[in-house]
Amino acid sequence: MVSGDADFALIYTSTKPLEIAAAISLLEEEGIPAFKINKTDSSYIFGEIELYVATKHIDNGKMILIENDLL
């Protein structure tokens, strides 16, 4: 989990848990800590899962996701 007083930014959303898991894995392999907030309603199965990184990693994080066809 990410700790400290860093500011975080949303860089990716998906309705597919496997896509979020893949994105987190790719980011962490590159040394970019990431975490998700699942806003999916479990009763109706709608909503999105949001992926966050520290603001200092926004550009690198987005580039990694673009290079891997996730963005």
N, C-alpha and C. Protein backbone atom coordinates (compact mmCIF):
# COMPACT_ATOMS: atom_id res chain seq x y z
N MET A 1 0.84 -1.18 0.00
CA MET A 1 0.00 0.00 0.00
C MET A 1 0.88 1.23 0.00
N VAL A 2 0.35 2.31 -0.49
CA VAL A 2 1.08 3.56 -0.58
C VAL A 2 0.92 4.34 0.71
N SER A 3 2.02 4.90 1.20
CA SER A 3 1.93 5.66 2.44
C SER A 3 2.66 6.99 2.29
N GLY A 4 2.53 7.84 3.27
CA GLY A 4 3.18 9.14 3.25
C GLY A 4 2.19 10.26 2.98
N ASP A 5 2.74 11.44 2.74
CA ASP A 5 1.90 12.62 2.54
C ASP A 5 1.81 13.03 1.08
N ALA A 6 2.01 12.10 0.16
CA ALA A 6 1.97 12.41 -1.27
C ALA A 6 0.55 12.70 -1.72
N ASP A 7 0.44 13.53 -2.75
CA ASP A 7 -0.84 13.74 -3.40
C ASP A 7 -1.00 12.67 -4.46
N PHE A 8 -2.21 12.23 -4.66
CA PHE A 8 -2.47 11.16 -5.62
C PHE A 8 -3.39 11.64 -6.72
N ALA A 9 -3.26 11.02 -7.87
CA ALA A 9 -4.06 11.40 -9.03
C ALA A 9 -4.63 10.16 -9.71
N LEU A 10 -5.83 10.30 -10.19
CA LEU A 10 -6.50 9.25 -10.95
C LEU A 10 -5.88 9.22 -12.34
N ILE A 11 -5.37 8.05 -12.78
CA ILE A 11 -4.80 7.98 -14.12
C ILE A 11 -5.52 6.99 -15.03
N TYR A 12 -6.41 6.17 -14.47
CA TYR A 12 -7.03 5.14 -15.29
C TYR A 12 -8.30 4.64 -14.61
N THR A 13 -9.32 4.37 -15.40
CA THR A 13 -10.52 3.74 -14.88
C THR A 13 -10.92 2.60 -15.80
N SER A 14 -11.57 1.60 -15.24
CA SER A 14 -12.04 0.47 -16.01
C SER A 14 -13.18 -0.19 -15.26
N THR A 15 -13.99 -0.92 -16.00
CA THR A 15 -15.03 -1.73 -15.37
C THR A 15 -14.56 -3.17 -15.24
N LYS A 16 -13.34 -3.44 -15.71
CA LYS A 16 -12.80 -4.80 -15.74
C LYS A 16 -11.69 -4.98 -14.70
N PRO A 17 -11.96 -5.77 -13.68
CA PRO A 17 -10.95 -5.97 -12.62
C PRO A 17 -9.61 -6.49 -13.13
N LEU A 18 -9.63 -7.36 -14.15
CA LEU A 18 -8.37 -7.89 -14.67
C LEU A 18 -7.52 -6.81 -15.33
N GLU A 19 -8.14 -5.83 -15.99
CA GLU A 19 -7.39 -4.73 -16.58
C GLU A 19 -6.72 -3.88 -15.50
N ILE A 20 -7.44 -3.64 -14.43
CA ILE A 20 -6.87 -2.86 -13.32
C ILE A 20 -5.70 -3.63 -12.70
N ALA A 21 -5.88 -4.92 -12.49
CA ALA A 21 -4.80 -5.74 -11.92
C ALA A 21 -3.57 -5.72 -12.82
N ALA A 22 -3.78 -5.82 -14.13
CA ALA A 22 -2.66 -5.77 -15.07
C ALA A 22 -1.97 -4.42 -15.02
N ALA A 23 -2.75 -3.35 -14.96
CA ALA A 23 -2.18 -2.00 -14.91
C ALA A 23 -1.35 -1.81 -13.64
N ILE A 24 -1.88 -2.24 -12.51
CA ILE A 24 -1.14 -2.13 -11.25
C ILE A 24 0.16 -2.91 -11.33
N SER A 25 0.11 -4.11 -11.86
CA SER A 25 1.30 -4.94 -11.99
C SER A 25 2.35 -4.27 -12.87
N LEU A 26 1.94 -3.74 -14.01
CA LEU A 26 2.87 -3.06 -14.91
C LEU A 26 3.52 -1.86 -14.23
N LEU A 27 2.72 -1.07 -13.54
CA LEU A 27 3.25 0.11 -12.86
C LEU A 27 4.23 -0.27 -11.76
N GLU A 28 3.86 -1.26 -10.96
CA GLU A 28 4.73 -1.66 -9.85
C GLU A 28 6.03 -2.29 -10.34
N GLU A 29 5.99 -2.98 -11.49
CA GLU A 29 7.22 -3.52 -12.09
C GLU A 29 8.20 -2.39 -12.45
N GLU A 30 7.65 -1.22 -12.74
CA GLU A 30 8.47 -0.06 -13.09
C GLU A 30 8.76 0.83 -11.89
N GLY A 31 8.42 0.36 -10.70
CA GLY A 31 8.71 1.10 -9.48
C GLY A 31 7.73 2.21 -9.15
N ILE A 32 6.54 2.14 -9.73
CA ILE A 32 5.52 3.15 -9.47
C ILE A 32 4.42 2.53 -8.61
N PRO A 33 4.37 2.89 -7.34
CA PRO A 33 3.31 2.36 -6.48
C PRO A 33 1.94 2.84 -6.98
N ALA A 34 0.98 1.95 -6.98
CA ALA A 34 -0.37 2.27 -7.44
C ALA A 34 -1.39 1.60 -6.54
N PHE A 35 -2.57 2.19 -6.47
CA PHE A 35 -3.64 1.55 -5.72
C PHE A 35 -4.96 1.81 -6.42
N LYS A 36 -5.94 0.99 -6.10
CA LYS A 36 -7.25 1.10 -6.75
C LYS A 36 -8.32 1.43 -5.72
N ILE A 37 -9.36 2.06 -6.22
CA ILE A 37 -10.58 2.27 -5.44
C ILE A 37 -11.71 1.69 -6.28
N ASN A 38 -12.35 0.68 -5.74
CA ASN A 38 -13.41 -0.01 -6.47
C ASN A 38 -14.73 0.67 -6.16
N LYS A 39 -15.30 1.31 -7.18
CA LYS A 39 -16.57 2.00 -7.03
C LYS A 39 -17.70 1.23 -7.71
N THR A 40 -17.47 -0.05 -7.89
CA THR A 40 -18.48 -0.91 -8.51
C THR A 40 -19.53 -1.26 -7.47
N ASP A 41 -20.78 -1.13 -7.83
CA ASP A 41 -21.88 -1.52 -6.96
C ASP A 41 -22.04 -3.03 -7.04
N SER A 42 -21.82 -3.71 -5.95
CA SER A 42 -21.84 -5.17 -5.96
C SER A 42 -23.23 -5.76 -6.19
N SER A 43 -24.26 -5.01 -5.91
CA SER A 43 -25.62 -5.52 -6.12
C SER A 43 -26.03 -5.49 -7.59
N TYR A 44 -25.60 -4.45 -8.28
CA TYR A 44 -26.04 -4.27 -9.67
C TYR A 44 -24.93 -4.43 -10.69
N ILE A 45 -23.70 -4.63 -10.23
CA ILE A 45 -22.53 -4.83 -11.08
C ILE A 45 -22.38 -3.69 -12.11
N PHE A 46 -22.38 -2.48 -11.64
CA PHE A 46 -22.06 -1.35 -12.50
C PHE A 46 -21.16 -0.41 -11.72
N GLY A 47 -20.50 0.47 -12.45
CA GLY A 47 -19.56 1.39 -11.83
C GLY A 47 -18.16 1.09 -12.31
N GLU A 48 -17.22 1.88 -11.85
CA GLU A 48 -15.85 1.73 -12.32
C GLU A 48 -14.88 1.51 -11.17
N ILE A 49 -13.73 0.99 -11.55
CA ILE A 49 -12.61 0.83 -10.63
C ILE A 49 -11.60 1.90 -11.03
N GLU A 50 -11.14 2.67 -10.06
CA GLU A 50 -10.22 3.77 -10.34
C GLU A 50 -8.81 3.41 -9.90
N LEU A 51 -7.84 3.80 -10.70
CA LEU A 51 -6.43 3.52 -10.43
C LEU A 51 -5.70 4.84 -10.16
N TYR A 52 -5.01 4.90 -9.05
CA TYR A 52 -4.31 6.12 -8.62
C TYR A 52 -2.82 5.88 -8.46
N VAL A 53 -2.05 6.94 -8.75
CA VAL A 53 -0.61 6.96 -8.48
C VAL A 53 -0.28 8.32 -7.85
N ALA A 54 0.91 8.41 -7.25
CA ALA A 54 1.36 9.70 -6.71
C ALA A 54 1.50 10.68 -7.86
N THR A 55 1.20 11.94 -7.61
CA THR A 55 1.22 12.95 -8.68
C THR A 55 2.58 13.02 -9.38
N LYS A 56 3.65 12.74 -8.68
CA LYS A 56 4.97 12.79 -9.31
C LYS A 56 5.15 11.68 -10.34
N HIS A 57 4.27 10.68 -10.34
CA HIS A 57 4.37 9.56 -11.28
C HIS A 57 3.32 9.60 -12.39
N ILE A 58 2.55 10.68 -12.48
CA ILE A 58 1.45 10.73 -13.46
C ILE A 58 1.95 10.48 -14.88
N ASP A 59 2.93 11.26 -15.31
CA ASP A 59 3.40 11.16 -16.69
C ASP A 59 3.99 9.79 -17.01
N ASN A 60 4.87 9.30 -16.15
CA ASN A 60 5.47 7.99 -16.38
C ASN A 60 4.42 6.89 -16.32
N GLY A 61 3.50 7.00 -15.39
CA GLY A 61 2.45 6.00 -15.26
C GLY A 61 1.57 5.92 -16.49
N LYS A 62 1.16 7.08 -17.00
CA LYS A 62 0.33 7.11 -18.21
C LYS A 62 1.10 6.55 -19.40
N MET A 63 2.39 6.88 -19.51
CA MET A 63 3.19 6.39 -20.62
C MET A 63 3.29 4.86 -20.59
N ILE A 64 3.47 4.31 -19.42
CA ILE A 64 3.54 2.85 -19.29
C ILE A 64 2.22 2.22 -19.72
N LEU A 65 1.11 2.79 -19.31
CA LEU A 65 -0.19 2.25 -19.68
C LEU A 65 -0.45 2.40 -21.18
N ILE A 66 -0.02 3.49 -21.77
CA ILE A 66 -0.16 3.69 -23.22
C ILE A 66 0.68 2.67 -23.98
N GLU A 67 1.91 2.48 -23.54
CA GLU A 67 2.82 1.54 -24.22
C GLU A 67 2.27 0.11 -24.17
N ASN A 68 1.44 -0.18 -23.19
CA ASN A 68 0.89 -1.52 -23.04
C ASN A 68 -0.57 -1.60 -23.46
N ASP A 69 -1.00 -0.60 -24.25
CA ASP A 69 -2.35 -0.56 -24.83
C ASP A 69 -3.47 -0.60 -23.80
N LEU A 70 -3.24 -0.01 -22.65
CA LEU A 70 -4.29 0.09 -21.65
C LEU A 70 -4.96 1.47 -21.64
N LEU A 71 -4.27 2.46 -22.17
CA LEU A 71 -4.84 3.81 -22.28
C LEU A 71 -5.04 4.14 -23.73
